Amino acid sequence: VAKLQIILIEHKMFKLLVIVLAILSVAAGFISHYAIQTVTGSDEHDGSDGNFFASVESANGLKTEFEKMDNIYNNDFEVGAKDTFQFFTNVYLGTVKCIVIKTTTDDYWLVDRVTVFFQRVATRFVNSDRVGLSTDSAEGKTELKLCSDEKFTTPITASSPSTSAC
């Protein structure tokens, strides 16, 4: 029980540190903060314990480096779950146009939809073709590129996951 309490305290301190660093670095103009929120499919085998990486592309052609989507102490990518990942970049994204997600594992994952939060704007991407990710070509593709339709870009509200850090 004590070990679990320490882990929970460390997790809360880590989240607070991420928020403080985001505010300081964005205020200083050195780094941009963005968040990626994924929703895993709801079918029985849509969840995964695999490794997944994301890169965001802007309308002006700039791209972020691929970053691992992983929340420490969390079991990400569970069936029907919503997971939010925080990232920092020295790339000014401007208008977010596409997201590319890739995998290095054969543990299949189906992402239903993705939202990227950047500078008080949320851009939503929908995996309408239900393309799964896996290095096993019989299960899915190693890379998935989703691009936005302008109707899915909306201002961030107070309940959005990234407002406290952007």
Protein backbone atom coordinates (compact mmCIF):
# COMPACT_ATOMS: atom_id res chain seq x y z
CA VAL A 1 0.00 0.00 0.00
CA ALA A 2 2.82 2.41 0.91
CA LYS A 3 4.58 1.69 -2.38
CA LEU A 4 1.37 2.46 -4.31
CA GLN A 5 0.99 5.74 -2.42
CA ILE A 6 4.57 6.72 -3.32
CA ILE A 7 3.93 5.92 -6.99
CA LEU A 8 0.75 8.02 -6.97
CA ILE A 9 2.58 10.93 -5.33
CA GLU A 10 5.42 10.64 -7.87
CA HIS A 11 2.86 10.59 -10.70
CA LYS A 12 1.14 13.75 -9.39
CA MET A 13 4.51 15.49 -8.96
CA PHE A 14 5.49 14.49 -12.52
CA LYS A 15 2.25 15.95 -13.92
CA LEU A 16 2.81 19.18 -11.97
CA LEU A 17 6.40 19.40 -13.24
CA VAL A 18 5.22 18.93 -16.83
CA ILE A 19 2.72 21.76 -16.43
CA VAL A 20 5.27 24.10 -14.83
CA LEU A 21 7.88 23.36 -17.50
CA ALA A 22 5.32 23.87 -20.23
CA ILE A 23 4.28 27.26 -18.88
CA LEU A 24 7.87 28.43 -18.41
CA SER A 25 9.17 27.22 -21.77
CA VAL A 26 6.19 28.49 -23.76
CA ALA A 27 6.35 31.85 -21.96
CA ALA A 28 10.05 32.10 -22.79
CA GLY A 29 9.30 31.32 -26.44
CA PHE A 30 11.81 28.47 -26.67
CA ILE A 31 9.50 25.53 -27.00
CA SER A 32 5.93 24.90 -28.06
CA HIS A 33 3.70 22.56 -26.09
CA TYR A 34 1.07 20.37 -27.68
CA ALA A 35 -1.09 17.48 -26.53
CA ILE A 36 -2.34 14.43 -28.38
CA GLN A 37 -5.48 12.68 -27.16
CA THR A 38 -6.28 9.23 -28.55
CA VAL A 39 -9.41 7.15 -28.25
CA THR A 40 -8.91 3.41 -28.70
CA GLY A 41 -11.53 1.40 -30.59
CA SER A 42 -14.24 -0.35 -28.60
CA ASP A 43 -13.98 -3.87 -30.08
CA GLU A 44 -12.52 -6.63 -27.91
CA HIS A 45 -9.11 -6.77 -29.62
CA ASP A 46 -8.62 -3.04 -30.35
CA GLY A 47 -6.47 -2.36 -27.26
CA SER A 48 -2.71 -2.86 -27.11
CA ASP A 49 0.36 -2.95 -24.91
CA GLY A 50 2.53 -2.00 -27.90
CA ASN A 51 4.81 0.96 -28.61
CA PHE A 52 3.37 3.81 -30.67
CA PHE A 53 4.95 7.04 -31.88
CA ALA A 54 3.35 10.22 -33.24
CA SER A 55 4.43 13.10 -35.44
CA VAL A 56 2.30 16.16 -36.12
CA GLU A 57 2.37 17.99 -39.47
CA SER A 58 1.40 21.62 -39.94
CA ALA A 59 -0.40 23.20 -42.88
CA ASN A 60 2.86 24.98 -43.76
CA GLY A 61 4.73 21.65 -44.14
CA LEU A 62 6.63 21.59 -40.84
CA LYS A 63 6.71 18.32 -38.85
CA THR A 64 7.55 17.37 -35.30
CA GLU A 65 9.91 14.50 -34.56
CA PHE A 66 8.26 11.16 -33.83
CA GLU A 67 7.65 10.99 -30.07
CA LYS A 68 6.65 7.92 -28.09
CA MET A 69 3.09 8.07 -26.77
CA ASP A 70 3.43 6.76 -23.23
CA ASN A 71 2.12 7.91 -19.89
CA ILE A 72 4.31 6.72 -17.05
CA TYR A 73 2.45 4.49 -14.57
CA ASN A 74 -0.58 4.26 -16.88
CA ASN A 75 -1.77 1.35 -18.98
CA ASP A 76 -2.35 3.25 -22.23
CA PHE A 77 -4.31 2.08 -25.28
CA GLU A 78 -6.94 0.02 -23.45
CA VAL A 79 -10.20 -0.85 -25.26
CA GLY A 80 -12.45 2.24 -25.44
CA ALA A 81 -10.00 4.35 -23.40
CA LYS A 82 -9.13 7.99 -23.90
CA ASP A 83 -5.42 8.74 -23.35
CA THR A 84 -3.73 12.14 -23.43
CA PHE A 85 -0.01 12.60 -24.11
CA GLN A 86 1.95 15.85 -23.55
CA PHE A 87 4.81 16.88 -25.85
CA PHE A 88 7.22 19.75 -26.40
CA THR A 89 8.78 20.80 -29.70
CA ASN A 90 10.94 23.56 -31.14
CA VAL A 91 8.75 23.45 -34.28
CA TYR A 92 6.06 26.10 -34.51
CA LEU A 93 3.10 24.11 -35.79
CA GLY A 94 0.67 26.89 -36.63
CA THR A 95 -2.36 25.16 -38.13
CA VAL A 96 -2.23 21.41 -37.51
CA LYS A 97 -3.07 19.50 -40.69
CA CYS A 98 -2.10 15.83 -40.19
CA ILE A 99 -0.92 13.33 -37.63
CA VAL A 100 1.19 10.28 -38.38
CA ILE A 101 1.21 7.38 -35.91
CA LYS A 102 3.60 4.47 -36.30
CA THR A 103 4.43 1.32 -34.39
CA THR A 104 7.46 -0.87 -33.78
CA THR A 105 5.51 -3.81 -32.39
CA ASP A 106 3.22 -6.55 -33.64
CA ASP A 107 0.69 -5.94 -30.84
CA TYR A 108 -2.30 -4.65 -32.85
CA TRP A 109 -3.91 -1.33 -31.88
CA LEU A 110 -6.92 0.40 -33.40
CA VAL A 111 -7.09 4.12 -32.76
CA ASP A 112 -10.65 5.33 -33.33
CA ARG A 113 -9.94 9.06 -33.26
CA VAL A 114 -7.19 11.50 -32.33
CA THR A 115 -7.31 15.13 -31.22
CA VAL A 116 -4.27 17.42 -31.30
CA PHE A 117 -4.36 20.44 -28.98
CA PHE A 118 -2.07 23.31 -29.96
CA GLN A 119 -2.34 27.00 -29.10
CA ARG A 120 -5.92 26.89 -27.87
CA VAL A 121 -7.15 25.01 -30.95
CA ALA A 122 -8.25 21.39 -31.06
CA THR A 123 -7.90 19.53 -34.36
CA ARG A 124 -9.70 16.18 -34.56
CA PHE A 125 -8.78 13.25 -36.79
CA VAL A 126 -11.03 10.25 -37.36
CA ASN A 127 -9.82 6.81 -38.43
CA SER A 128 -12.95 6.24 -40.51
CA ASP A 129 -11.36 3.37 -42.47
CA ARG A 130 -10.58 1.57 -39.17
CA VAL A 131 -6.94 0.95 -40.11
CA GLY A 132 -5.13 -0.85 -37.29
CA LEU A 133 -1.45 -0.53 -36.42
CA SER A 134 0.87 -3.53 -36.21
CA THR A 135 4.19 -4.66 -37.66
CA ASP A 136 2.36 -7.89 -38.54
CA SER A 137 1.10 -7.07 -42.06
CA ALA A 138 -1.73 -9.59 -41.65
CA GLU A 139 -3.14 -7.42 -38.81
CA GLY A 140 -2.50 -3.84 -39.86
CA LYS A 141 -0.07 -1.23 -41.12
CA THR A 142 3.11 0.04 -39.48
CA GLU A 143 2.12 3.66 -40.13
CA LEU A 144 -1.17 5.55 -40.20
CA LYS A 145 -1.55 9.09 -41.53
CA LEU A 146 -4.73 10.97 -40.69
CA CYS A 147 -5.40 14.44 -42.09
CA SER A 148 -7.89 16.98 -40.85
CA ASP A 149 -11.02 18.33 -42.39
CA GLU A 150 -11.39 22.00 -41.42
CA LYS A 151 -14.80 21.30 -39.83
CA PHE A 152 -13.04 19.36 -37.05
CA THR A 153 -10.88 22.31 -35.92
CA THR A 154 -12.40 24.10 -32.94
CA PRO A 155 -11.32 26.52 -30.20
CA ILE A 156 -10.33 24.85 -26.94
CA THR A 157 -12.78 25.10 -24.07
CA ALA A 158 -11.96 25.21 -20.38
CA SER A 159 -12.48 21.43 -20.09
CA SER A 160 -9.91 20.54 -22.75
CA PRO A 161 -6.89 18.55 -21.56
CA SER A 162 -4.19 20.97 -22.63
CA THR A 163 -5.52 24.33 -21.46
CA SER A 164 -3.57 24.20 -18.23
CA ALA A 165 -0.27 23.79 -20.06
CA CYS A 166 -0.64 25.62 -23.37
